[in-house]
C-alpha atoms as a PDB file:
ATOM      1  CA  MET A   1     107.137 118.172  90.309  1.00  0.00           C
ATOM      2  CA  LEU A   2     104.734 115.548  89.565  1.00  0.00           C
ATOM      3  CA  HIS A   3     100.841 115.885  89.834  1.00  0.00           C
ATOM      4  CA  TYR A   4      99.331 113.032  91.819  1.00  0.00           C
ATOM      5  CA  ARG A   5      96.168 111.967  93.223  1.00  0.00           C
ATOM      6  CA  HIS A   6      96.394 109.651  96.581  1.00  0.00           C
ATOM      7  CA  SER A   7      93.862 108.259  98.985  1.00  0.00           C
ATOM      8  CA  TRP A   8      93.351 110.087 102.270  1.00  0.00           C
ATOM      9  CA  ALA A   9      93.275 107.125 104.442  1.00  0.00           C
ATOM     10  CA  ASP A  10      96.499 107.212 106.752  1.00  0.00           C
ATOM     11  CA  GLN A  11      97.407 103.314 106.450  1.00  0.00           C
ATOM     12  CA  GLN A  12     100.480 101.740 107.327  1.00  0.00           C
ATOM     13  CA  LYS A  13     101.732 100.845 103.531  1.00  0.00           C
ATOM     14  CA  THR A  14     101.757 103.126 100.936  1.00  0.00           C
ATOM     15  CA  ILE A  15     101.659 101.871  97.237  1.00  0.00           C
ATOM     16  CA  VAL A  16     102.664 104.381  94.296  1.00  0.00           C
ATOM     17  CA  PHE A  17     101.336 103.314  91.178  1.00  0.00           C
ATOM     18  CA  LEU A  18     102.996 103.880  88.067  1.00  0.00           C
ATOM     19  CA  HIS A  19     100.894 104.144  84.792  1.00  0.00           C
ATOM     20  CA  ALA A  20     101.458 102.998  81.022  1.00  0.00           C
ATOM     21  CA  ALA A  21     102.721 105.076  78.487  1.00  0.00           C
ATOM     22  CA  GLY A  22      99.441 107.194  76.848  1.00  0.00           C
ATOM     23  CA  PHE A  23      97.309 107.003  79.879  1.00  0.00           C
ATOM     24  CA  ASP A  24      97.953 109.031  83.328  1.00  0.00           C
ATOM     25  CA  GLY A  25      97.121 108.209  87.048  1.00  0.00           C
ATOM     26  CA  ARG A  26      93.890 107.787  86.723  1.00  0.00           C
ATOM     27  CA  ILE A  27      93.881 104.337  85.270  1.00  0.00           C
ATOM     28  CA  TRP A  28      94.736 102.895  88.649  1.00  0.00           C
ATOM     29  CA  LYS A  29      91.314 104.259  89.995  1.00  0.00           C
ATOM     30  CA  GLN A  30      89.645 100.569  89.882  1.00  0.00           C
ATOM     31  CA  ALA A  31      92.608  99.302  91.982  1.00  0.00           C
ATOM     32  CA  ALA A  32      92.731 102.077  94.667  1.00  0.00           C
ATOM     33  CA  GLU A  33      89.131 101.465  95.313  1.00  0.00           C
ATOM     34  CA  GLN A  34      89.761  97.785  96.316  1.00  0.00           C
ATOM     35  CA  LEU A  35      92.680  98.660  98.278  1.00  0.00           C
ATOM     36  CA  THR A  36      91.522 100.640 100.705  1.00  0.00           C
ATOM     37  CA  ASP A  37      93.777  99.196 103.308  1.00  0.00           C
ATOM     38  CA  PHE A  38      96.652 100.905 101.709  1.00  0.00           C
ATOM     39  CA  HIS A  39      97.338 104.631 100.983  1.00  0.00           C
ATOM     40  CA  CYS A  40      97.472 104.839  97.381  1.00  0.00           C
ATOM     41  CA  VAL A  41      99.445 107.419  95.277  1.00  0.00           C
ATOM     42  CA  CYS A  42      98.907 107.695  91.701  1.00  0.00           C
ATOM     43  CA  PRO A  43     101.097 110.217  90.107  1.00  0.00           C
ATOM     44  CA  ASP A  44     100.961 111.429  86.193  1.00  0.00           C
ATOM     45  CA  LEU A  45     104.151 110.511  84.852  1.00  0.00           C
ATOM     46  CA  PRO A  46     106.896 112.692  82.836  1.00  0.00           C
ATOM     47  CA  GLY A  47     105.466 114.061  79.780  1.00  0.00           C
ATOM     48  CA  HIS A  48     101.688 112.554  80.818  1.00  0.00           C
ATOM     49  CA  GLY A  49      98.411 114.419  82.053  1.00  0.00           C
ATOM     50  CA  GLN A  50      98.807 117.004  84.287  1.00  0.00           C
ATOM     51  CA  SER A  51     102.638 116.384  84.173  1.00  0.00           C
ATOM     52  CA  LYS A  52     103.059 117.218  80.681  1.00  0.00           C
ATOM     53  CA  THR A  53     105.475 120.265  81.741  1.00  0.00           C
ATOM     54  CA  VAL A  54     108.108 117.709  83.274  1.00  0.00           C
ATOM     55  CA  PRO A  55     110.180 116.824  80.230  1.00  0.00           C
ATOM     56  CA  VAL A  56     110.697 113.308  79.013  1.00  0.00           C
ATOM     57  CA  THR A  57     114.683 112.294  78.608  1.00  0.00           C
ATOM     58  CA  ASP A  58     115.102 108.796  79.942  1.00  0.00           C
ATOM     59  CA  PHE A  59     113.983 106.408  82.347  1.00  0.00           C
ATOM     60  CA  ASP A  60     116.603 107.290  84.806  1.00  0.00           C
ATOM     61  CA  ALA A  61     115.330 110.943  84.838  1.00  0.00           C
ATOM     62  CA  ALA A  62     111.679 110.048  85.128  1.00  0.00           C
ATOM     63  CA  SER A  63     112.787 107.763  88.294  1.00  0.00           C
ATOM     64  CA  ASP A  64     114.548 110.625  89.617  1.00  0.00           C
ATOM     65  CA  ALA A  65     110.595 112.444  89.616  1.00  0.00           C
ATOM     66  CA  VAL A  66     109.374 109.440  91.197  1.00  0.00           C
ATOM     67  CA  ALA A  67     111.726 109.540  94.202  1.00  0.00           C
ATOM     68  CA  GLU A  68     110.848 113.200  94.338  1.00  0.00           C
ATOM     69  CA  LEU A  69     107.320 112.619  94.661  1.00  0.00           C
ATOM     70  CA  ILE A  70     108.406 109.797  97.646  1.00  0.00           C
ATOM     71  CA  ASP A  71     110.326 112.299  99.283  1.00  0.00           C
ATOM     72  CA  ARG A  72     107.282 114.818  99.143  1.00  0.00           C
ATOM     73  CA  VAL A  73     104.729 112.352 100.148  1.00  0.00           C
ATOM     74  CA  GLY A  74     106.738 111.317 103.192  1.00  0.00           C
ATOM     75  CA  LYS A  75     105.754 107.761 103.113  1.00  0.00           C
ATOM     76  CA  GLY A  76     109.122 106.071 102.186  1.00  0.00           C
ATOM     77  CA  PRO A  77     110.060 103.057 102.002  1.00  0.00           C
ATOM     78  CA  VAL A  78     106.770 102.506  99.520  1.00  0.00           C
ATOM     79  CA  CYS A  79     105.195  99.749  97.606  1.00  0.00           C
ATOM     80  CA  LEU A  80     106.029 100.151  94.221  1.00  0.00           C
ATOM     81  CA  ALA A  81     103.371  98.845  91.199  1.00  0.00           C
ATOM     82  CA  GLY A  82     104.169  99.730  87.649  1.00  0.00           C
ATOM     83  CA  LEU A  83     102.700  98.590  83.958  1.00  0.00           C
ATOM     84  CA  SER A  84     104.740  98.965  80.868  1.00  0.00           C
ATOM     85  CA  MET A  85     106.466 102.208  80.837  1.00  0.00           C
ATOM     86  CA  GLY A  86     105.642 102.576  84.589  1.00  0.00           C
ATOM     87  CA  SER A  87     107.777  99.148  85.047  1.00  0.00           C
ATOM     88  CA  TYR A  88     110.467 100.621  83.122  1.00  0.00           C
ATOM     89  CA  ILE A  89     110.597 103.715  85.435  1.00  0.00           C
ATOM     90  CA  GLY A  90     109.937 101.438  88.256  1.00  0.00           C
ATOM     91  CA  PHE A  91     112.949  99.047  87.672  1.00  0.00           C
ATOM     92  CA  ARG A  92     115.453 102.237  87.554  1.00  0.00           C
ATOM     93  CA  LEU A  93     113.942 103.465  90.631  1.00  0.00           C
ATOM     94  CA  LEU A  94     114.774 100.237  92.285  1.00  0.00           C
ATOM     95  CA  ALA A  95     118.322 100.432  91.187  1.00  0.00           C
ATOM     96  CA  ARG A  96     118.813 103.911  92.003  1.00  0.00           C
ATOM     97  CA  TYR A  97     117.049 104.635  95.293  1.00  0.00           C
ATOM     98  CA  PRO A  98     116.493 101.263  96.654  1.00  0.00           C
ATOM     99  CA  HIS A  99     116.147 102.712  99.995  1.00  0.00           C
ATOM    100  CA  LEU A 100     112.651 104.239  98.868  1.00  0.00           C
ATOM    101  CA  VAL A 101     111.153 101.027  98.020  1.00  0.00           C
ATOM    102  CA  GLU A 102     110.349  97.887 100.210  1.00  0.00           C
ATOM    103  CA  SER A 103     108.401  95.783  97.526  1.00  0.00           C
ATOM    104  CA  ALA A 104     107.326  95.884  93.729  1.00  0.00           C
ATOM    105  CA  VAL A 105     105.159  94.348  91.580  1.00  0.00           C
ATOM    106  CA  PHE A 106     106.142  95.279  87.722  1.00  0.00           C
ATOM    107  CA  SER A 107     104.090  93.867  84.436  1.00  0.00           C
ATOM    108  CA  GLY A 108     104.692  93.852  80.812  1.00  0.00           C
ATOM    109  CA  PHE A 109     108.187  94.653  80.485  1.00  0.00           C
ATOM    110  CA  GLN A 110     111.752  93.336  79.131  1.00  0.00           C
ATOM    111  CA  HIS A 111     115.372  93.409  80.765  1.00  0.00           C
ATOM    112  CA  VAL A 112     117.117  93.651  77.162  1.00  0.00           C
ATOM    113  CA  PRO A 113     116.643  95.612  73.933  1.00  0.00           C
ATOM    114  CA  ILE A 114     113.932  94.332  71.586  1.00  0.00           C
ATOM    115  CA  GLU A 115     115.324  93.976  67.999  1.00  0.00           C
ATOM    116  CA  VAL A 116     113.059  95.465  65.327  1.00  0.00           C
ATOM    117  CA  SER A 117     113.788  96.667  61.828  1.00  0.00           C
ATOM    118  CA  GLY A 118     114.023 100.109  60.919  1.00  0.00           C
ATOM    119  CA  ILE A 119     110.344  99.867  59.176  1.00  0.00           C
ATOM    120  CA  MET A 120     108.996  98.910  62.029  1.00  0.00           C
ATOM    121  CA  ARG A 121     110.440 101.858  64.078  1.00  0.00           C
ATOM    122  CA  ALA A 122     109.441 103.644  60.946  1.00  0.00           C
ATOM    123  CA  LEU A 123     105.740 102.108  61.716  1.00  0.00           C
ATOM    124  CA  MET A 124     105.925 103.174  65.470  1.00  0.00           C
ATOM    125  CA  THR A 125     106.693 106.620  64.589  1.00  0.00           C
ATOM    126  CA  ALA A 126     103.722 106.907  62.372  1.00  0.00           C
ATOM    127  CA  SER A 127     101.401 105.408  64.805  1.00  0.00           C
ATOM    128  CA  SER A 128     102.399 108.074  67.485  1.00  0.00           C
ATOM    129  CA  PHE A 129     100.846 110.512  65.201  1.00  0.00           C
ATOM    130  CA  MET A 130      97.677 108.475  64.858  1.00  0.00           C
ATOM    131  CA  MET A 131      97.298 109.023  68.698  1.00  0.00           C
ATOM    132  CA  ASN A 132      96.434 112.591  68.128  1.00  0.00           C
ATOM    133  CA  SER A 133      92.913 111.193  67.003  1.00  0.00           C
ATOM    134  CA  ARG A 134      90.521 110.601  70.209  1.00  0.00           C
ATOM    135  CA  LYS A 135      88.770 107.609  68.221  1.00  0.00           C
ATOM    136  CA  ASN A 136      92.416 106.117  67.754  1.00  0.00           C
ATOM    137  CA  ARG A 137      93.259 106.337  71.157  1.00  0.00           C
ATOM    138  CA  GLU A 138      90.294 104.837  72.364  1.00  0.00           C
ATOM    139  CA  LYS A 139      90.635 102.227  70.105  1.00  0.00           C
ATOM    140  CA  MET A 140      94.250 101.353  71.315  1.00  0.00           C
ATOM    141  CA  ALA A 141      92.636 101.418  74.681  1.00  0.00           C
ATOM    142  CA  ARG A 142      90.259  99.010  74.035  1.00  0.00           C
ATOM    143  CA  SER A 143      92.797  96.585  72.287  1.00  0.00           C
ATOM    144  CA  ILE A 144      94.580  96.199  75.827  1.00  0.00           C
ATOM    145  CA  GLY A 145      91.553  95.917  77.948  1.00  0.00           C
ATOM    146  CA  VAL A 146      90.720  99.357  78.900  1.00  0.00           C
ATOM    147  CA  ASN A 147      87.137 100.274  77.986  1.00  0.00           C
ATOM    148  CA  ASP A 148      86.742 103.654  79.446  1.00  0.00           C
ATOM    149  CA  PRO A 149      87.402 106.274  76.613  1.00  0.00           C
ATOM    150  CA  SER A 150      87.944 109.290  79.365  1.00  0.00           C
ATOM    151  CA  LEU A 151      91.245 107.640  80.438  1.00  0.00           C
ATOM    152  CA  VAL A 152      92.751 108.333  77.185  1.00  0.00           C
ATOM    153  CA  SER A 153      92.133 112.021  77.246  1.00  0.00           C
ATOM    154  CA  GLN A 154      92.205 115.222  78.977  1.00  0.00           C
ATOM    155  CA  ARG A 155      89.272 117.777  79.602  1.00  0.00           C
ATOM    156  CA  GLY A 156      88.121 119.036  75.789  1.00  0.00           C
ATOM    157  CA  GLY A 157      89.649 115.648  74.039  1.00  0.00           C
ATOM    158  CA  ARG A 158      93.113 116.490  74.483  1.00  0.00           C
ATOM    159  CA  PRO A 159      95.610 113.559  74.591  1.00  0.00           C
ATOM    160  CA  ASN A 160      97.279 112.772  77.933  1.00  0.00           C
ATOM    161  CA  ALA A 161     100.549 112.652  76.111  1.00  0.00           C
ATOM    162  CA  SER A 162     102.161 114.272  72.540  1.00  0.00           C
ATOM    163  CA  SER A 163     103.115 112.231  69.918  1.00  0.00           C
ATOM    164  CA  LYS A 164     106.910 113.539  70.670  1.00  0.00           C
ATOM    165  CA  THR A 165     106.550 111.902  74.142  1.00  0.00           C
ATOM    166  CA  MET A 166     105.149 108.756  73.099  1.00  0.00           C
ATOM    167  CA  ARG A 167     107.827 108.280  70.338  1.00  0.00           C
ATOM    168  CA  LYS A 168     110.484 109.034  72.996  1.00  0.00           C
ATOM    169  CA  ILE A 169     108.873 106.625  75.355  1.00  0.00           C
ATOM    170  CA  SER A 170     108.732 103.808  72.535  1.00  0.00           C
ATOM    171  CA  SER A 171     112.421 104.339  71.798  1.00  0.00           C
ATOM    172  CA  LEU A 172     113.565 104.073  75.210  1.00  0.00           C
ATOM    173  CA  ALA A 173     111.379 100.856  76.001  1.00  0.00           C
ATOM    174  CA  LEU A 174     112.976  98.985  72.644  1.00  0.00           C
ATOM    175  CA  ASP A 175     116.202  99.838  73.794  1.00  0.00           C
ATOM    176  CA  PHE A 176     116.164  99.140  77.341  1.00  0.00           C
ATOM    177  CA  ASP A 177     119.043  97.043  78.753  1.00  0.00           C
ATOM    178  CA  VAL A 178     119.676  95.962  82.156  1.00  0.00           C
ATOM    179  CA  ALA A 179     120.787  92.686  82.129  1.00  0.00           C
ATOM    180  CA  ALA A 180     123.925  93.790  83.863  1.00  0.00           C
ATOM    181  CA  ASP A 181     121.841  95.423  86.880  1.00  0.00           C
ATOM    182  CA  LEU A 182     119.434  92.267  87.811  1.00  0.00           C
ATOM    183  CA  GLN A 183     121.868  90.807  90.232  1.00  0.00           C
ATOM    184  CA  SER A 184     122.231  94.106  92.066  1.00  0.00           C
ATOM    185  CA  ILE A 185     118.127  94.377  93.078  1.00  0.00           C
ATOM    186  CA  GLU A 186     117.524  93.341  96.497  1.00  0.00           C
ATOM    187  CA  THR A 187     114.055  94.749  96.444  1.00  0.00           C
ATOM    188  CA  PRO A 188     111.778  91.583  96.710  1.00  0.00           C
ATOM    189  CA  THR A 189     110.131  91.942  93.439  1.00  0.00           C
ATOM    190  CA  LEU A 190     107.063  90.202  91.510  1.00  0.00           C
ATOM    191  CA  VAL A 191     107.438  90.548  87.495  1.00  0.00           C
ATOM    192  CA  LEU A 192     103.950  89.586  85.806  1.00  0.00           C
ATOM    193  CA  ALA A 193     103.217  89.326  82.171  1.00  0.00           C
ATOM    194  CA  GLY A 194      99.881  87.996  80.146  1.00  0.00           C
ATOM    195  CA  GLU A 195     100.249  85.214  78.578  1.00  0.00           C
ATOM    196  CA  THR A 196      99.574  86.668  75.144  1.00  0.00           C
ATOM    197  CA  GLU A 197     102.225  89.641  75.526  1.00  0.00           C
ATOM    198  CA  HIS A 198     104.947  90.147  73.078  1.00  0.00           C
ATOM    199  CA  PRO A 199     107.585  87.184  73.356  1.00  0.00           C
ATOM    200  CA  SER A 200     110.488  89.550  74.128  1.00  0.00           C
ATOM    201  CA  ILE A 201     108.169  90.441  77.604  1.00  0.00           C
ATOM    202  CA  LEU A 202     107.175  86.701  78.120  1.00  0.00           C
ATOM    203  CA  SER A 203     111.039  85.541  77.548  1.00  0.00           C
ATOM    204  CA  ALA A 204     112.324  88.069  79.891  1.00  0.00           C
ATOM    205  CA  LEU A 205     110.407  86.395  83.109  1.00  0.00           C
ATOM    206  CA  PRO A 206     112.719  83.735  83.535  1.00  0.00           C
ATOM    207  CA  ALA A 207     115.897  85.933  83.509  1.00  0.00           C
ATOM    208  CA  PHE A 208     114.406  88.198  85.846  1.00  0.00           C
ATOM    209  CA  GLN A 209     113.333  85.378  88.266  1.00  0.00           C
ATOM    210  CA  SER A 210     116.852  83.783  87.844  1.00  0.00           C
ATOM    211  CA  GLY A 211     118.708  87.187  87.875  1.00  0.00           C
ATOM    212  CA  MET A 212     117.250  89.137  90.632  1.00  0.00           C
ATOM    213  CA  PRO A 213     118.095  87.497  94.349  1.00  0.00           C
ATOM    214  CA  HIS A 214     114.437  88.143  95.483  1.00  0.00           C
ATOM    215  CA  CYS A 215     112.215  87.559  92.287  1.00  0.00           C
ATOM    216  CA  THR A 216     109.403  85.710  91.626  1.00  0.00           C
ATOM    217  CA  ALA A 217     107.759  85.691  87.979  1.00  0.00           C
ATOM    218  CA  ARG A 218     104.130  84.677  87.237  1.00  0.00           C
ATOM    219  CA  ILE A 219     102.070  84.567  83.597  1.00  0.00           C
ATOM    220  CA  ILE A 220      98.478  85.504  83.714  1.00  0.00           C
ATOM    221  CA  PRO A 221      96.972  82.781  81.586  1.00  0.00           C
ATOM    222  CA  GLY A 222      94.739  83.860  78.543  1.00  0.00           C
ATOM    223  CA  LEU A 223      95.126  87.530  78.989  1.00  0.00           C
ATOM    224  CA  GLY A 224      97.579  90.398  77.252  1.00  0.00           C
ATOM    225  CA  HIS A 225      99.501  93.557  78.094  1.00  0.00           C
ATOM    226  CA  GLY A 226      96.479  95.317  79.604  1.00  0.00           C
ATOM    227  CA  TRP A 227      95.277  92.496  81.674  1.00  0.00           C
ATOM    228  CA  ILE A 228      94.944  94.850  85.083  1.00  0.00           C
ATOM    229  CA  ALA A 229      92.025  96.676  83.266  1.00  0.00           C
ATOM    230  CA  THR A 230      90.499  93.202  82.400  1.00  0.00           C
ATOM    231  CA  GLU A 231      90.810  91.704  85.708  1.00  0.00           C
ATOM    232  CA  PRO A 232      91.007  94.300  87.866  1.00  0.00           C
ATOM    233  CA  ASP A 233      90.135  92.331  91.281  1.00  0.00           C
ATOM    234  CA  LEU A 234      92.615  89.549  90.197  1.00  0.00           C
ATOM    235  CA  PHE A 235      95.354  92.710  89.952  1.00  0.00           C
ATOM    236  CA  ALA A 236      94.208  94.236  93.185  1.00  0.00           C
ATOM    237  CA  GLN A 237      94.321  90.421  94.978  1.00  0.00           C
ATOM    238  CA  THR A 238      97.843  90.120  93.443  1.00  0.00           C
ATOM    239  CA  LEU A 239      99.021  93.415  95.016  1.00  0.00           C
ATOM    240  CA  ARG A 240      97.876  92.953  98.280  1.00  0.00           C
ATOM    241  CA  ALA A 241      99.003  89.226  98.583  1.00  0.00           C
ATOM    242  CA  TRP A 242     102.485  90.067  97.396  1.00  0.00           C
ATOM    243  CA  PHE A 243     103.010  93.488  99.617  1.00  0.00           C
ATOM    244  CA  LEU A 244     101.535  91.586 102.620  1.00  0.00           C
ATOM    245  CA  GLN A 245     103.473  88.723 102.275  1.00  0.00           C
ATOM    246  CA  GLU A 246     100.846  86.497 101.652  1.00  0.00           C
ATOM    247  CA  PRO A 247     100.037  83.711  99.170  1.00  0.00           C
ATOM    248  CA  LEU A 248      99.399  84.776  95.744  1.00  0.00           C
ATOM    249  CA  PRO A 249      96.251  84.373  94.122  1.00  0.00           C
ATOM    250  CA  GLU A 250      95.639  81.068  92.490  1.00  0.00           C
ATOM    251  CA  GLY A 251      95.390  81.113  88.850  1.00  0.00           C
ATOM    252  CA  LEU A 252      98.894  82.907  88.280  1.00  0.00           C
ATOM    253  CA  ASN A 253     100.837  80.504  86.155  1.00  0.00           C
ATOM    254  CA  ALA A 254     104.393  80.065  87.808  1.00  0.00           C
ATOM    255  CA  VAL A 255     107.687  80.092  85.487  1.00  0.00           C
ATOM    256  CA  ALA A 256     110.554  78.026  85.103  1.00  0.00           C
ATOM    257  CA  ASP A 257     113.752  79.339  85.814  1.00  0.00           C
ATOM    258  CA  ALA A 258     116.220  80.270  83.048  1.00  0.00           C
END
């Protein structure tokens, strides 16, 4: 069972937040503080934080764990918000448990495998061991806009996720392939990306928007993968607008269909 934090307000809508690899549910603290008109549920995903004992096998199994959490909280169908790893898991949740989600916002992921060389995969493997260093973890967090060093470590300075978990997540993300599933996703979904994200993530936006029946894609100008930490106000405004079916905030760039 996943560990989770949540607001106690008994609001009409519930948002379940799914964090990026290497972090845990605490990364959503600022967003939850601004979305007091929602019941905010922030789990630590498999292999992370206080859910470290939940094994990481694949994104389908992770979506099973999130589905179990939604049933446990008893607030379904929910609104869903995901970043990076959380978006991969969230997409699989839409595909496998559509009755549990009424609306979704995902940022920082792609729909087809990312082609990388064997050398690059080796470098990624090596970098996973570097995350055992608190200094390196904090440097990584700052590079994507997360300036609170406590968010990348547990008490005593231990990493939120093991090197083995980080390697597994990286491999699953590189090989993620849901192009054949897009047409089957009926859930209203907003897919976002920072303007300076990896080209594979940016090029996926038109495919999501054209391929999914009820999908809108937007680009956050001038920002990158961790834009939710850099612009928490904009992130909260975007979630509230999408989940309440209101106009999206100005400043988000539209995406042409594929």
